[in-house]
PDB file of N, CA and C in Angstrom:
ATOM      1  N   UNK A   1       0.846  -1.182   0.000  1.00  0.00           N
ATOM      2  CA  UNK A   1       0.000   0.000   0.000  1.00  0.00           C
ATOM      3  C   UNK A   1       0.891   1.244   0.000  1.00  0.00           C
ATOM      4  N   UNK A   2       0.622   2.169  -0.894  1.00  0.00           N
ATOM      5  CA  UNK A   2       1.470   3.342  -1.013  1.00  0.00           C
ATOM      6  C   UNK A   2       1.079   4.405   0.002  1.00  0.00           C
ATOM      7  N   UNK A   3       2.011   5.268   0.248  1.00  0.00           N
ATOM      8  CA  UNK A   3       1.786   6.367   1.181  1.00  0.00           C
ATOM      9  C   UNK A   3       1.111   7.513   0.424  1.00  0.00           C
ATOM     10  N   UNK A   4       0.248   8.236   1.110  1.00  0.00           N
ATOM     11  CA  UNK A   4      -0.490   9.336   0.512  1.00  0.00           C
ATOM     12  C   UNK A   4       0.461  10.396  -0.041  1.00  0.00           C
ATOM     13  N   UNK A   5       0.147  10.927  -1.202  1.00  0.00           N
ATOM     14  CA  UNK A   5       1.000  11.936  -1.828  1.00  0.00           C
ATOM     15  C   UNK A   5       1.050  13.227  -1.006  1.00  0.00           C
ATOM     16  N   UNK A   6      -0.037  13.556  -0.322  1.00  0.00           N
ATOM     17  CA  UNK A   6      -0.025  14.794   0.460  1.00  0.00           C
ATOM     18  C   UNK A   6       0.880  14.671   1.691  1.00  0.00           C
ATOM     19  N   UNK A   7       1.118  13.455   2.158  1.00  0.00           N
ATOM     20  CA  UNK A   7       2.006  13.255   3.302  1.00  0.00           C
ATOM     21  C   UNK A   7       3.465  13.269   2.877  1.00  0.00           C
ATOM     22  N   UNK A   8       3.741  12.842   1.646  1.00  0.00           N
ATOM     23  CA  UNK A   8       5.112  12.787   1.177  1.00  0.00           C
ATOM     24  C   UNK A   8       5.785  11.494   1.587  1.00  0.00           C
ATOM     25  N   UNK A   9       7.002  11.269   1.094  1.00  0.00           N
ATOM     26  CA  UNK A   9       7.688  10.011   1.403  1.00  0.00           C
ATOM     27  C   UNK A   9       8.170   9.987   2.854  1.00  0.00           C
ATOM     28  N   UNK A  10       8.217   8.780   3.440  1.00  0.00           N
ATOM     29  CA  UNK A  10       8.727   8.626   4.797  1.00  0.00           C
ATOM     30  C   UNK A  10      10.211   8.295   4.717  1.00  0.00           C
ATOM     31  N   UNK A  11      11.023   9.223   5.194  1.00  0.00           N
ATOM     32  CA  UNK A  11      12.459   9.005   5.262  1.00  0.00           C
ATOM     33  C   UNK A  11      12.845   9.182   6.725  1.00  0.00           C
ATOM     34  N   UNK A  12      13.540   8.207   7.280  1.00  0.00           N
ATOM     35  CA  UNK A  12      13.908   8.240   8.685  1.00  0.00           C
ATOM     36  C   UNK A  12      14.860   9.403   8.962  1.00  0.00           C
ATOM     37  N   UNK A  13      14.472  10.300   9.875  1.00  0.00           N
ATOM     38  CA  UNK A  13      15.265  11.494  10.169  1.00  0.00           C
ATOM     39  C   UNK A  13      16.611  11.144  10.803  1.00  0.00           C
ATOM     40  N   UNK A  14      16.620  10.131  11.677  1.00  0.00           N
ATOM     41  CA  UNK A  14      17.872   9.738  12.334  1.00  0.00           C
ATOM     42  C   UNK A  14      18.880   9.234  11.302  1.00  0.00           C
ATOM     43  N   UNK A  15      18.378   8.532  10.309  1.00  0.00           N
ATOM     44  CA  UNK A  15      19.237   7.985   9.268  1.00  0.00           C
ATOM     45  C   UNK A  15      19.854   9.099   8.425  1.00  0.00           C
ATOM     46  N   UNK A  16      19.049  10.098   8.086  1.00  0.00           N
ATOM     47  CA  UNK A  16      19.565  11.232   7.320  1.00  0.00           C
ATOM     48  C   UNK A  16      20.591  12.011   8.126  1.00  0.00           C
ATOM     49  N   UNK A  17      20.370  12.099   9.445  1.00  0.00           N
ATOM     50  CA  UNK A  17      21.291  12.816  10.309  1.00  0.00           C
ATOM     51  C   UNK A  17      22.647  12.103  10.378  1.00  0.00           C
ATOM     52  N   UNK A  18      22.624  10.755  10.327  1.00  0.00           N
ATOM     53  CA  UNK A  18      23.861   9.978  10.386  1.00  0.00           C
ATOM     54  C   UNK A  18      24.736  10.193   9.152  1.00  0.00           C
ATOM     55  N   UNK A  19      24.107  10.415   7.977  1.00  0.00           N
ATOM     56  CA  UNK A  19      24.883  10.550   6.745  1.00  0.00           C
ATOM     57  C   UNK A  19      25.082  12.002   6.326  1.00  0.00           C
ATOM     58  N   UNK A  20      24.454  12.933   7.035  1.00  0.00           N
ATOM     59  CA  UNK A  20      24.523  14.334   6.649  1.00  0.00           C
ATOM     60  C   UNK A  20      25.951  14.866   6.790  1.00  0.00           C
ATOM     61  N   UNK A  21      26.459  15.467   5.724  1.00  0.00           N
ATOM     62  CA  UNK A  21      27.781  16.065   5.734  1.00  0.00           C
ATOM     63  C   UNK A  21      28.918  15.078   5.582  1.00  0.00           C
ATOM     64  N   UNK A  22      28.630  13.809   5.333  1.00  0.00           N
ATOM     65  CA  UNK A  22      29.668  12.794   5.174  1.00  0.00           C
ATOM     66  C   UNK A  22      29.716  12.331   3.735  1.00  0.00           C
ATOM     67  N   UNK A  23      30.865  11.782   3.358  1.00  0.00           N
ATOM     68  CA  UNK A  23      31.016  11.182   2.047  1.00  0.00           C
ATOM     69  C   UNK A  23      30.856   9.675   2.204  1.00  0.00           C
ATOM     70  N   UNK A  24      30.378   8.980   1.165  1.00  0.00           N
ATOM     71  CA  UNK A  24      30.170   7.537   1.270  1.00  0.00           C
ATOM     72  C   UNK A  24      31.419   6.758   1.666  1.00  0.00           C
ATOM     73  N   UNK A  25      32.604   7.222   1.246  1.00  0.00           N
ATOM     74  CA  UNK A  25      33.829   6.499   1.555  1.00  0.00           C
ATOM     75  C   UNK A  25      34.168   6.562   3.041  1.00  0.00           C
ATOM     76  N   UNK A  26      33.917   7.717   3.673  1.00  0.00           N
ATOM     77  CA  UNK A  26      34.310   7.879   5.062  1.00  0.00           C
ATOM     78  C   UNK A  26      33.244   7.408   6.039  1.00  0.00           C
ATOM     79  N   UNK A  27      32.028   7.204   5.594  1.00  0.00           N
ATOM     80  CA  UNK A  27      30.944   6.824   6.505  1.00  0.00           C
ATOM     81  C   UNK A  27      31.012   5.354   6.894  1.00  0.00           C
ATOM     82  N   UNK A  28      31.540   4.506   6.020  1.00  0.00           N
ATOM     83  CA  UNK A  28      31.566   3.072   6.313  1.00  0.00           C
ATOM     84  C   UNK A  28      30.159   2.502   6.232  1.00  0.00           C
ATOM     85  N   UNK A  29      29.879   1.478   7.044  1.00  0.00           N
ATOM     86  CA  UNK A  29      28.550   0.868   7.066  1.00  0.00           C
ATOM     87  C   UNK A  29      27.721   1.573   8.133  1.00  0.00           C
ATOM     88  N   UNK A  30      26.579   2.123   7.723  1.00  0.00           N
ATOM     89  CA  UNK A  30      25.683   2.823   8.634  1.00  0.00           C
ATOM     90  C   UNK A  30      24.604   1.830   9.061  1.00  0.00           C
ATOM     91  N   UNK A  31      24.626   1.435  10.327  1.00  0.00           N
ATOM     92  CA  UNK A  31      23.643   0.467  10.820  1.00  0.00           C
ATOM     93  C   UNK A  31      22.301   1.136  11.043  1.00  0.00           C
ATOM     94  N   UNK A  32      21.236   0.422  10.662  1.00  0.00           N
ATOM     95  CA  UNK A  32      19.892   0.949  10.848  1.00  0.00           C
ATOM     96  C   UNK A  32      18.897  -0.173  11.095  1.00  0.00           C
ATOM     97  N   UNK A  33      17.875   0.171  11.853  1.00  0.00           N
ATOM     98  CA  UNK A  33      16.771  -0.745  12.104  1.00  0.00           C
ATOM     99  C   UNK A  33      15.520  -0.268  11.372  1.00  0.00           C
ATOM    100  N   UNK A  34      15.612   0.866  10.670  1.00  0.00           N
ATOM    101  CA  UNK A  34      14.472   1.476   9.986  1.00  0.00           C
ATOM    102  C   UNK A  34      14.288   0.841   8.620  1.00  0.00           C
ATOM    103  N   UNK A  35      13.607  -0.299   8.566  1.00  0.00           N
ATOM    104  CA  UNK A  35      13.368  -1.002   7.310  1.00  0.00           C
ATOM    105  C   UNK A  35      12.306  -0.306   6.472  1.00  0.00           C
ATOM    106  N   UNK A  36      11.434   0.458   7.106  1.00  0.00           N
ATOM    107  CA  UNK A  36      10.316   1.090   6.406  1.00  0.00           C
ATOM    108  C   UNK A  36      10.648   2.419   5.777  1.00  0.00           C
ATOM    109  N   UNK A  37      11.835   2.941   6.030  1.00  0.00           N
ATOM    110  CA  UNK A  37      12.207   4.239   5.483  1.00  0.00           C
ATOM    111  C   UNK A  37      12.536   4.150   4.004  1.00  0.00           C
ATOM    112  N   UNK A  38      12.064   5.144   3.244  1.00  0.00           N
ATOM    113  CA  UNK A  38      12.349   5.161   1.814  1.00  0.00           C
ATOM    114  C   UNK A  38      13.764   5.644   1.554  1.00  0.00           C
ATOM    115  N   UNK A  39      14.313   5.205   0.440  1.00  0.00           N
ATOM    116  CA  UNK A  39      15.657   5.611   0.044  1.00  0.00           C
ATOM    117  C   UNK A  39      15.544   6.923  -0.721  1.00  0.00           C
ATOM    118  N   UNK A  40      16.274   7.930  -0.253  1.00  0.00           N
ATOM    119  CA  UNK A  40      16.245   9.237  -0.904  1.00  0.00           C
ATOM    120  C   UNK A  40      17.515   9.414  -1.738  1.00  0.00           C
ATOM    121  N   UNK A  41      17.537  10.380  -2.641  1.00  0.00           N
ATOM    122  CA  UNK A  41      18.711  10.592  -3.492  1.00  0.00           C
ATOM    123  C   UNK A  41      19.993  10.925  -2.710  1.00  0.00           C
ATOM    124  N   UNK A  42      19.863  11.472  -1.497  1.00  0.00           N
ATOM    125  CA  UNK A  42      21.040  11.785  -0.688  1.00  0.00           C
ATOM    126  C   UNK A  42      21.761  10.526  -0.219  1.00  0.00           C
ATOM    127  N   UNK A  43      21.070   9.381  -0.225  1.00  0.00           N
ATOM    128  CA  UNK A  43      21.621   8.126   0.289  1.00  0.00           C
ATOM    129  C   UNK A  43      22.421   7.348  -0.751  1.00  0.00           C
ATOM    130  N   UNK A  44      22.394   7.784  -2.005  1.00  0.00           N
ATOM    131  CA  UNK A  44      23.071   7.047  -3.081  1.00  0.00           C
ATOM    132  C   UNK A  44      24.571   6.997  -2.809  1.00  0.00           C
ATOM    133  N   UNK A  45      25.123   5.787  -2.886  1.00  0.00           N
ATOM    134  CA  UNK A  45      26.547   5.588  -2.673  1.00  0.00           C
ATOM    135  C   UNK A  45      26.901   5.093  -1.283  1.00  0.00           C
ATOM    136  N   UNK A  46      26.005   5.279  -0.323  1.00  0.00           N
ATOM    137  CA  UNK A  46      26.263   4.840   1.044  1.00  0.00           C
ATOM    138  C   UNK A  46      25.947   3.362   1.200  1.00  0.00           C
ATOM    139  N   UNK A  47      26.597   2.738   2.168  1.00  0.00           N
ATOM    140  CA  UNK A  47      26.325   1.342   2.496  1.00  0.00           C
ATOM    141  C   UNK A  47      25.616   1.318   3.842  1.00  0.00           C
ATOM    142  N   UNK A  48      24.436   0.700   3.856  1.00  0.00           N
ATOM    143  CA  UNK A  48      23.651   0.608   5.072  1.00  0.00           C
ATOM    144  C   UNK A  48      23.615  -0.830   5.559  1.00  0.00           C
ATOM    145  N   UNK A  49      23.700  -1.007   6.864  1.00  0.00           N
ATOM    146  CA  UNK A  49      23.521  -2.315   7.477  1.00  0.00           C
ATOM    147  C   UNK A  49      22.079  -2.401   7.934  1.00  0.00           C
ATOM    148  N   UNK A  50      21.217  -3.017   7.136  1.00  0.00           N
ATOM    149  CA  UNK A  50      19.781  -3.074   7.417  1.00  0.00           C
ATOM    150  C   UNK A  50      19.494  -4.333   8.241  1.00  0.00           C
ATOM    151  N   UNK A  51      18.851  -4.141   9.377  1.00  0.00           N
ATOM    152  CA  UNK A  51      18.571  -5.249  10.288  1.00  0.00           C
ATOM    153  C   UNK A  51      17.416  -6.082   9.751  1.00  0.00           C
ATOM    154  N   UNK A  52      17.594  -7.419   9.723  1.00  0.00           N
ATOM    155  CA  UNK A  52      16.537  -8.288   9.213  1.00  0.00           C
ATOM    156  C   UNK A  52      15.908  -9.139  10.310  1.00  0.00           C
ATOM    157  N   UNK A  53      16.195  -8.835  11.557  1.00  0.00           N
ATOM    158  CA  UNK A  53      15.637  -9.597  12.667  1.00  0.00           C
ATOM    159  C   UNK A  53      16.671 -10.491  13.315  1.00  0.00           C
ATOM    160  N   UNK A  54      17.759 -10.746  12.616  1.00  0.00           N
ATOM    161  CA  UNK A  54      18.827 -11.590  13.151  1.00  0.00           C
ATOM    162  C   UNK A  54      20.170 -10.874  13.103  1.00  0.00           C
ATOM    163  N   UNK A  55      20.492 -10.312  11.955  1.00  0.00           N
ATOM    164  CA  UNK A  55      21.752  -9.583  11.816  1.00  0.00           C
ATOM    165  C   UNK A  55      21.589  -8.468  10.785  1.00  0.00           C
ATOM    166  N   UNK A  56      22.633  -7.653  10.661  1.00  0.00           N
ATOM    167  CA  UNK A  56      22.602  -6.537   9.717  1.00  0.00           C
ATOM    168  C   UNK A  56      23.139  -6.998   8.370  1.00  0.00           C
ATOM    169  N   UNK A  57      22.358  -6.794   7.325  1.00  0.00           N
ATOM    170  CA  UNK A  57      22.760  -7.149   5.966  1.00  0.00           C
ATOM    171  C   UNK A  57      23.174  -5.871   5.256  1.00  0.00           C
ATOM    172  N   UNK A  58      24.384  -5.890   4.671  1.00  0.00           N
ATOM    173  CA  UNK A  58      24.899  -4.701   4.005  1.00  0.00           C
ATOM    174  C   UNK A  58      24.192  -4.465   2.679  1.00  0.00           C
ATOM    175  N   UNK A  59      23.731  -3.230   2.489  1.00  0.00           N
ATOM    176  CA  UNK A  59      23.035  -2.831   1.265  1.00  0.00           C
ATOM    177  C   UNK A  59      23.733  -1.596   0.719  1.00  0.00           C
ATOM    178  N   UNK A  60      24.315  -1.718  -0.478  1.00  0.00           N
ATOM    179  CA  UNK A  60      24.937  -0.578  -1.143  1.00  0.00           C
ATOM    180  C   UNK A  60      23.864   0.089  -1.999  1.00  0.00           C
ATOM    181  N   UNK A  61      23.550   1.330  -1.692  1.00  0.00           N
ATOM    182  CA  UNK A  61      22.453   2.036  -2.356  1.00  0.00           C
ATOM    183  C   UNK A  61      22.920   2.591  -3.699  1.00  0.00           C
ATOM    184  N   UNK A  62      22.159   2.275  -4.753  1.00  0.00           N
ATOM    185  CA  UNK A  62      22.441   2.806  -6.087  1.00  0.00           C
ATOM    186  C   UNK A  62      21.266   3.678  -6.534  1.00  0.00           C
ATOM    187  N   UNK A  63      21.404   4.312  -7.679  1.00  0.00           N
ATOM    188  CA  UNK A  63      20.369   5.235  -8.162  1.00  0.00           C
ATOM    189  C   UNK A  63      19.048   4.533  -8.449  1.00  0.00           C
ATOM    190  N   UNK A  64      19.110   3.257  -8.858  1.00  0.00           N
ATOM    191  CA  UNK A  64      17.882   2.530  -9.182  1.00  0.00           C
ATOM    192  C   UNK A  64      17.034   2.254  -7.942  1.00  0.00           C
ATOM    193  N   UNK A  65      17.636   2.324  -6.765  1.00  0.00           N
ATOM    194  CA  UNK A  65      16.928   1.997  -5.517  1.00  0.00           C
ATOM    195  C   UNK A  65      16.145   3.168  -4.953  1.00  0.00           C
ATOM    196  N   UNK A  66      16.347   4.372  -5.472  1.00  0.00           N
ATOM    197  CA  UNK A  66      15.674   5.553  -4.937  1.00  0.00           C
ATOM    198  C   UNK A  66      14.163   5.378  -5.056  1.00  0.00           C
ATOM    199  N   UNK A  67      13.459   5.621  -3.946  1.00  0.00           N
ATOM    200  CA  UNK A  67      12.005   5.469  -3.915  1.00  0.00           C
ATOM    201  C   UNK A  67      11.563   4.153  -3.310  1.00  0.00           C
ATOM    202  N   UNK A  68      12.466   3.174  -3.247  1.00  0.00           N
ATOM    203  CA  UNK A  68      12.131   1.895  -2.623  1.00  0.00           C
ATOM    204  C   UNK A  68      12.404   1.973  -1.129  1.00  0.00           C
ATOM    205  N   UNK A  69      11.975   0.955  -0.399  1.00  0.00           N
ATOM    206  CA  UNK A  69      12.211   0.889   1.048  1.00  0.00           C
ATOM    207  C   UNK A  69      13.506   0.133   1.318  1.00  0.00           C
ATOM    208  N   UNK A  70      14.157   0.461   2.411  1.00  0.00           N
ATOM    209  CA  UNK A  70      15.399  -0.225   2.769  1.00  0.00           C
ATOM    210  C   UNK A  70      15.159  -1.707   3.037  1.00  0.00           C
ATOM    211  N   UNK A  71      14.022  -2.040   3.614  1.00  0.00           N
ATOM    212  CA  UNK A  71      13.715  -3.418   3.962  1.00  0.00           C
ATOM    213  C   UNK A  71      13.550  -4.335   2.763  1.00  0.00           C
ATOM    214  N   UNK A  72      13.329  -3.775   1.576  1.00  0.00           N
ATOM    215  CA  UNK A  72      13.165  -4.597   0.379  1.00  0.00           C
ATOM    216  C   UNK A  72      14.451  -5.312  -0.001  1.00  0.00           C
ATOM    217  N   UNK A  73      15.587  -4.776   0.426  1.00  0.00           N
ATOM    218  CA  UNK A  73      16.874  -5.317   0.031  1.00  0.00           C
ATOM    219  C   UNK A  73      17.535  -6.121   1.147  1.00  0.00           C
ATOM    220  N   UNK A  74      16.783  -6.375   2.212  1.00  0.00           N
ATOM    221  CA  UNK A  74      17.281  -7.158   3.334  1.00  0.00           C
ATOM    222  C   UNK A  74      16.222  -8.200   3.694  1.00  0.00           C
ATOM    223  N   UNK A  75      16.242  -9.365   3.026  1.00  0.00           N
ATOM    224  CA  UNK A  75      15.186 -10.360   3.258  1.00  0.00           C
ATOM    225  C   UNK A  75      15.197 -10.891   4.685  1.00  0.00           C
ATOM    226  N   UNK A  76      14.000 -11.102   5.221  1.00  0.00           N
ATOM    227  CA  UNK A  76      13.879 -11.564   6.600  1.00  0.00           C
ATOM    228  C   UNK A  76      13.715 -13.074   6.697  1.00  0.00           C
ATOM    229  N   UNK A  77      13.362 -13.703   5.600  1.00  0.00           N
ATOM    230  CA  UNK A  77      13.152 -15.142   5.608  1.00  0.00           C
ATOM    231  C   UNK A  77      14.192 -15.829   4.739  1.00  0.00           C
ATOM    232  N   UNK A  78      14.657 -16.953   5.206  1.00  0.00           N
ATOM    233  CA  UNK A  78      15.651 -17.731   4.473  1.00  0.00           C
ATOM    234  C   UNK A  78      14.922 -18.844   3.742  1.00  0.00           C
ATOM    235  N   UNK A  79      15.117 -18.923   2.428  1.00  0.00           N
ATOM    236  CA  UNK A  79      14.451 -19.956   1.655  1.00  0.00           C
ATOM    237  C   UNK A  79      15.154 -21.279   1.870  1.00  0.00           C
ATOM    238  N   UNK A  80      14.392 -22.276   2.308  1.00  0.00           N
ATOM    239  CA  UNK A  80      14.911 -23.622   2.481  1.00  0.00           C
ATOM    240  C   UNK A  80      14.420 -24.438   1.303  1.00  0.00           C
ATOM    241  N   UNK A  81      15.337 -25.046   0.584  1.00  0.00           N
ATOM    242  CA  UNK A  81      14.990 -25.785  -0.616  1.00  0.00           C
ATOM    243  C   UNK A  81      14.114 -26.982  -0.279  1.00  0.00           C
ATOM    244  N   UNK A  82      13.102 -27.203  -1.069  1.00  0.00           N
ATOM    245  CA  UNK A  82      12.225 -28.346  -0.899  1.00  0.00           C
ATOM    246  C   UNK A  82      12.820 -29.546  -1.629  1.00  0.00           C
ATOM    247  N   UNK A  83      12.336 -30.671  -1.303  1.00  0.00           N
ATOM    248  CA  UNK A  83      12.797 -31.845  -2.023  1.00  0.00           C
ATOM    249  C   UNK A  83      13.244 -32.918  -1.053  1.00  0.00           C
ATOM    250  N   UNK A  84      14.150 -33.689  -1.460  1.00  0.00           N
ATOM    251  CA  UNK A  84      14.637 -34.804  -0.674  1.00  0.00           C
ATOM    252  C   UNK A  84      15.382 -35.709  -1.618  1.00  0.00           C
ATOM    253  N   UNK A  85      14.988 -36.962  -1.631  1.00  0.00           N
ATOM    254  CA  UNK A  85      15.662 -37.936  -2.476  1.00  0.00           C
ATOM    255  C   UNK A  85      15.498 -37.591  -3.963  1.00  0.00           C
ATOM    256  N   UNK A  86      14.296 -37.224  -4.365  1.00  0.00           N
ATOM    257  CA  UNK A  86      14.050 -36.875  -5.772  1.00  0.00           C
ATOM    258  C   UNK A  86      14.856 -35.650  -6.181  1.00  0.00           C
ATOM    259  N   UNK A  87      14.889 -34.652  -5.314  1.00  0.00           N
ATOM    260  CA  UNK A  87      15.617 -33.421  -5.624  1.00  0.00           C
ATOM    261  C   UNK A  87      17.111 -33.705  -5.770  1.00  0.00           C
ATOM    262  N   UNK A  88      17.653 -34.550  -4.908  1.00  0.00           N
ATOM    263  CA  UNK A  88      19.076 -34.898  -4.987  1.00  0.00           C
ATOM    264  C   UNK A  88      19.388 -35.612  -6.298  1.00  0.00           C
ATOM    265  N   UNK A  89      18.490 -36.505  -6.743  1.00  0.00           N
ATOM    266  CA  UNK A  89      18.694 -37.205  -8.004  1.00  0.00           C
ATOM    267  C   UNK A  89      18.702 -36.235  -9.181  1.00  0.00           C
ATOM    268  N   UNK A  90      17.783 -35.287  -9.164  1.00  0.00           N
ATOM    269  CA  UNK A  90      17.705 -34.297 -10.238  1.00  0.00           C
ATOM    270  C   UNK A  90      18.979 -33.453 -10.277  1.00  0.00           C
ATOM    271  N   UNK A  91      19.453 -33.039  -9.100  1.00  0.00           N
ATOM    272  CA  UNK A  91      20.668 -32.236  -9.047  1.00  0.00           C
ATOM    273  C   UNK A  91      21.884 -33.040  -9.499  1.00  0.00           C
ATOM    274  N   UNK A  92      21.915 -34.315  -9.153  1.00  0.00           N
ATOM    275  CA  UNK A  92      23.031 -35.168  -9.560  1.00  0.00           C
ATOM    276  C   UNK A  92      23.078 -35.304 -11.084  1.00  0.00           C
ATOM    277  N   UNK A  93      21.913 -35.521 -11.708  1.00  0.00           N
ATOM    278  CA  UNK A  93      21.850 -35.621 -13.168  1.00  0.00           C
ATOM    279  C   UNK A  93      22.284 -34.312 -13.824  1.00  0.00           C
ATOM    280  N   UNK A  94      21.867 -33.206 -13.243  1.00  0.00           N
ATOM    281  CA  UNK A  94      22.231 -31.901 -13.785  1.00  0.00           C
ATOM    282  C   UNK A  94      23.744 -31.691 -13.707  1.00  0.00           C
ATOM    283  N   UNK A  95      24.337 -32.070 -12.573  1.00  0.00           N
ATOM    284  CA  UNK A  95      25.783 -31.927 -12.400  1.00  0.00           C
ATOM    285  C   UNK A  95      26.549 -32.812 -13.380  1.00  0.00           C
ATOM    286  N   UNK A  96      26.062 -34.043 -13.585  1.00  0.00           N
ATOM    287  CA  UNK A  96      26.706 -34.956 -14.526  1.00  0.00           C
ATOM    288  C   UNK A  96      26.631 -34.407 -15.949  1.00  0.00           C
ATOM    289  N   UNK A  97      25.497 -33.801 -16.305  1.00  0.00           N
ATOM    290  CA  UNK A  97      25.338 -33.218 -17.633  1.00  0.00           C
ATOM    291  C   UNK A  97      26.310 -32.049 -17.836  1.00  0.00           C
ATOM    292  N   UNK A  98      26.504 -31.238 -16.793  1.00  0.00           N
ATOM    293  CA  UNK A  98      27.434 -30.121 -16.891  1.00  0.00           C
ATOM    294  C   UNK A  98      28.869 -30.618 -17.074  1.00  0.00           C
ATOM    295  N   UNK A  99      29.227 -31.666 -16.342  1.00  0.00           N
ATOM    296  CA  UNK A  99      30.569 -32.236 -16.460  1.00  0.00           C
ATOM    297  C   UNK A  99      30.790 -32.798 -17.861  1.00  0.00           C
ATOM    298  N   UNK A 100      29.782 -33.510 -18.381  1.00  0.00           N
ATOM    299  CA  UNK A 100      29.887 -34.078 -19.725  1.00  0.00           C
ATOM    300  C   UNK A 100      30.025 -32.973 -20.775  1.00  0.00           C
ATOM    301  N   UNK A 101      29.283 -31.898 -20.605  1.00  0.00           N
ATOM    302  CA  UNK A 101      29.357 -30.784 -21.551  1.00  0.00           C
ATOM    303  C   UNK A 101      30.728 -30.123 -21.500  1.00  0.00           C
ATOM    304  N   UNK A 102      31.273 -29.979 -20.306  1.00  0.00           N
ATOM    305  CA  UNK A 102      32.593 -29.373 -20.155  1.00  0.00           C
ATOM    306  C   UNK A 102      33.662 -30.256 -20.797  1.00  0.00           C
ATOM    307  N   UNK A 103      33.538 -31.571 -20.628  1.00  0.00           N
ATOM    308  CA  UNK A 103      34.502 -32.486 -21.229  1.00  0.00           C
ATOM    309  C   UNK A 103      34.400 -32.469 -22.750  1.00  0.00           C
ATOM    310  N   UNK A 104      33.186 -32.384 -23.271  1.00  0.00           N
ATOM    311  CA  UNK A 104      32.992 -32.333 -24.712  1.00  0.00           C
ATOM    312  C   UNK A 104      33.584 -31.046 -25.288  1.00  0.00           C
ATOM    313  N   UNK A 105      33.393 -29.949 -24.587  1.00  0.00           N
ATOM    314  CA  UNK A 105      33.933 -28.672 -25.041  1.00  0.00           C
ATOM    315  C   UNK A 105      35.459 -28.710 -25.014  1.00  0.00           C
ATOM    316  N   UNK A 106      36.007 -29.326 -24.001  1.00  0.00           N
ATOM    317  CA  UNK A 106      37.463 -29.437 -23.895  1.00  0.00           C
ATOM    318  C   UNK A 106      38.018 -30.311 -25.017  1.00  0.00           C
ATOM    319  N   UNK A 107      37.311 -31.396 -25.334  1.00  0.00           N
ATOM    320  CA  UNK A 107      37.747 -32.298 -26.395  1.00  0.00           C
ATOM    321  C   UNK A 107      37.722 -31.596 -27.756  1.00  0.00           C
ATOM    322  N   UNK A 108      36.726 -30.776 -28.009  1.00  0.00           N
ATOM    323  CA  UNK A 108      36.643 -30.074 -29.293  1.00  0.00           C
ATOM    324  C   UNK A 108      37.748 -29.035 -29.415  1.00  0.00           C
ATOM    325  N   UNK A 109      38.107 -28.388 -28.331  1.00  0.00           N
ATOM    326  CA  UNK A 109      39.191 -27.402 -28.399  1.00  0.00           C
ATOM    327  C   UNK A 109      40.529 -28.098 -28.630  1.00  0.00           C
ATOM    328  N   UNK A 110      40.717 -29.272 -28.060  1.00  0.00           N
ATOM    329  CA  UNK A 110      41.951 -30.019 -28.273  1.00  0.00           C
ATOM    330  C   UNK A 110      42.032 -30.486 -29.715  1.00  0.00           C
ATOM    331  N   UNK A 111      40.913 -30.947 -30.296  1.00  0.00           N
ATOM    332  CA  UNK A 111      40.882 -31.389 -31.683  1.00  0.00           C
ATOM    333  C   UNK A 111      41.197 -30.269 -32.654  1.00  0.00           C
ATOM    334  N   UNK A 112      40.677 -29.085 -32.401  1.00  0.00           N
ATOM    335  CA  UNK A 112      40.909 -27.959 -33.302  1.00  0.00           C
ATOM    336  C   UNK A 112      42.348 -27.510 -33.251  1.00  0.00           C
ATOM    337  N   UNK A 113      42.975 -27.603 -32.091  1.00  0.00           N
ATOM    338  CA  UNK A 113      44.374 -27.192 -31.993  1.00  0.00           C
ATOM    339  C   UNK A 113      45.290 -28.197 -32.687  1.00  0.00           C
ATOM    340  N   UNK A 114      44.924 -29.487 -32.691  1.00  0.00           N
ATOM    341  CA  UNK A 114      45.728 -30.514 -33.354  1.00  0.00           C
ATOM    342  C   UNK A 114      45.662 -30.378 -34.870  1.00  0.00           C
ATOM    343  N   UNK A 115      44.520 -29.925 -35.398  1.00  0.00           N
ATOM    344  CA  UNK A 115      44.328 -29.797 -36.834  1.00  0.00           C
ATOM    345  C   UNK A 115      45.194 -28.665 -37.409  1.00  0.00           C
ATOM    346  N   UNK A 116      45.490 -27.696 -36.640  1.00  0.00           N
ATOM    347  CA  UNK A 116      46.263 -26.539 -37.134  1.00  0.00           C
ATOM    348  C   UNK A 116      47.674 -26.902 -37.203  1.00  0.00           C
TER     349      UNK A 116
END
């Protein structure tokens, strides 16, 4: 749900105060718990340590991130792969196919060098 246009964007004041008058190189990692604060153009180039509930995840702010929330770049849930025996078999076949392809590519490069 977007914030009302008459209210304007929510940017954490404490966060702006931490980076005010500093250059991105000298600021280092700026730790923050404000996941809901929007990224403003003044924040571009800074690295923020955004808290995800367990630890701080470093987020380097670029121009494309302006207008998004800091919390969007610090996931709070860890994806656990589903599967089991079937998934392991599928991954094993995939790995074997990659190895075979690499060997075939290597064999073709050796053949071409011998022909010259």
